[in-house]
Protein backbone atom coordinates (compact mmCIF):
# COMPACT_ATOMS: atom_id res chain seq x y z
CA MET A 1 -73.91 25.04 -160.67
CA LYS A 2 -75.32 25.91 -164.06
CA ILE A 3 -75.97 28.92 -166.26
CA THR A 4 -79.50 30.21 -165.76
CA GLU A 5 -81.73 32.12 -168.16
CA ALA A 6 -81.99 35.04 -165.72
CA GLY A 7 -78.21 35.03 -165.32
CA LYS A 8 -77.71 35.05 -169.09
CA GLN A 9 -80.09 37.99 -169.46
CA LEU A 10 -78.21 39.90 -166.77
CA VAL A 11 -74.80 39.25 -168.32
CA GLU A 12 -76.08 40.19 -171.78
CA SER A 13 -77.30 43.58 -170.53
CA ARG A 14 -75.48 46.83 -171.22
CA LYS A 15 -75.74 47.74 -167.53
CA PHE A 16 -73.79 44.65 -166.52
CA ALA A 17 -71.11 45.34 -169.13
CA LEU A 18 -70.66 48.90 -167.88
CA GLU A 19 -70.46 47.77 -164.26
CA LEU A 20 -67.95 45.08 -165.19
CA ARG A 21 -65.78 47.62 -167.03
CA GLU A 22 -65.87 49.99 -164.07
CA PHE A 23 -64.93 47.22 -161.65
CA LEU A 24 -62.08 45.96 -163.83
CA SER A 25 -60.82 49.51 -164.44
CA GLU A 26 -60.53 50.01 -160.68
CA LEU A 27 -58.57 46.77 -160.31
CA HIS A 28 -56.35 47.68 -163.27
CA SER A 29 -55.55 51.05 -161.70
CA GLU A 30 -54.49 49.15 -158.58
CA GLY A 31 -51.97 47.17 -160.62
CA MET A 32 -53.88 44.16 -161.88
CA SER A 33 -52.34 42.73 -165.05
CA GLU A 34 -54.23 42.26 -168.31
CA GLU A 35 -54.07 38.48 -167.86
CA GLN A 36 -55.52 38.71 -164.37
CA GLY A 37 -58.17 41.08 -165.72
CA ARG A 38 -59.27 38.61 -168.38
CA ALA A 39 -59.47 35.78 -165.84
CA THR A 40 -61.40 37.99 -163.41
CA ALA A 41 -63.82 39.08 -166.13
CA ILE A 42 -64.51 35.49 -167.19
CA SER A 43 -65.05 34.46 -163.57
CA LEU A 44 -67.43 37.35 -162.89
CA ILE A 45 -69.36 36.70 -166.10
CA ALA A 46 -69.73 32.99 -165.28
CA TRP A 47 -70.64 33.73 -161.65
CA ALA A 48 -73.35 36.20 -162.69
CA ALA A 49 -74.57 33.91 -165.49
CA SER A 50 -75.09 31.18 -162.93
CA GLY A 51 -77.48 33.45 -161.05
CA HIS A 52 -75.12 34.66 -158.33
CA ASP A 53 -74.58 38.20 -157.10
CA VAL A 54 -71.16 39.47 -158.19
CA ASN A 55 -71.06 41.57 -155.02
CA HIS A 56 -70.81 38.30 -153.10
CA PRO A 57 -67.93 36.44 -154.77
CA PRO A 58 -67.54 32.68 -154.56
CA ALA A 59 -65.56 31.11 -151.75
CA GLY A 60 -64.43 27.63 -150.83
CA GLU A 61 -66.37 24.92 -152.64
CA GLU A 62 -68.08 27.54 -154.80
CA LEU A 63 -64.72 28.38 -156.39
CA LEU A 64 -64.31 24.77 -157.47
CA GLN A 65 -67.87 24.68 -158.80
CA LEU A 66 -67.28 27.91 -160.72
CA ALA A 67 -64.10 26.54 -162.27
CA ALA A 68 -65.99 23.40 -163.30
CA LEU A 69 -68.79 25.53 -164.77
CA VAL A 70 -66.35 27.56 -166.85
CA GLY A 71 -64.48 24.45 -167.96
CA SER A 72 -67.58 22.54 -168.99
CA ASN A 73 -69.33 25.52 -170.60
CA ALA A 74 -66.38 27.35 -172.12
CA SER A 75 -68.05 28.15 -175.43
CA GLN A 76 -71.18 29.50 -173.75
CA VAL A 77 -69.15 31.57 -171.26
CA ASN A 78 -67.01 32.91 -174.11
CA ALA A 79 -70.16 33.86 -176.04
CA LEU A 80 -71.42 35.75 -172.99
CA ALA A 81 -68.05 37.49 -172.67
CA ASP A 82 -68.28 38.46 -176.35
CA LYS A 83 -71.74 39.92 -175.71
CA CYS A 84 -70.35 42.00 -172.83
CA LEU A 85 -67.64 43.31 -175.15
CA GLU A 86 -70.23 44.12 -177.83
CA ASN A 87 -72.25 46.05 -175.26
CA LEU A 88 -69.19 48.06 -174.28
CA VAL A 89 -68.35 48.85 -177.90
CA ASP A 90 -71.98 49.79 -178.59
CA ASN A 91 -71.97 52.05 -175.54
CA ASP A 92 -68.70 53.71 -176.56
CA THR A 93 -69.99 54.38 -180.07
CA ASP A 94 -73.64 55.04 -179.17
CA GLY A 95 -74.55 51.88 -181.08
CA THR A 96 -72.98 53.14 -184.29
CA VAL A 97 -70.59 50.87 -186.13
CA HIS A 98 -67.77 52.77 -187.84
């Protein structure tokens, strides 16, 4: 499993960031902790960045491959997570930095 260019473009999009926030907000309202939320976000970002559909989460061997992907590409996955956060901040402020 590897990060693909198409996956990176998807994860770097504002649409993906908004969908991720909505999904995590739903889980948080159901009692998910902040720590679990961060881990879930990183997993979803890495899964999408590797070209997979987040509506079809990894299972079995794919979970191990995803963990290996995150572990071996931590800086790249963190940079993608930062981009998602930037997109959320830009959306919340209409792109204006205060």
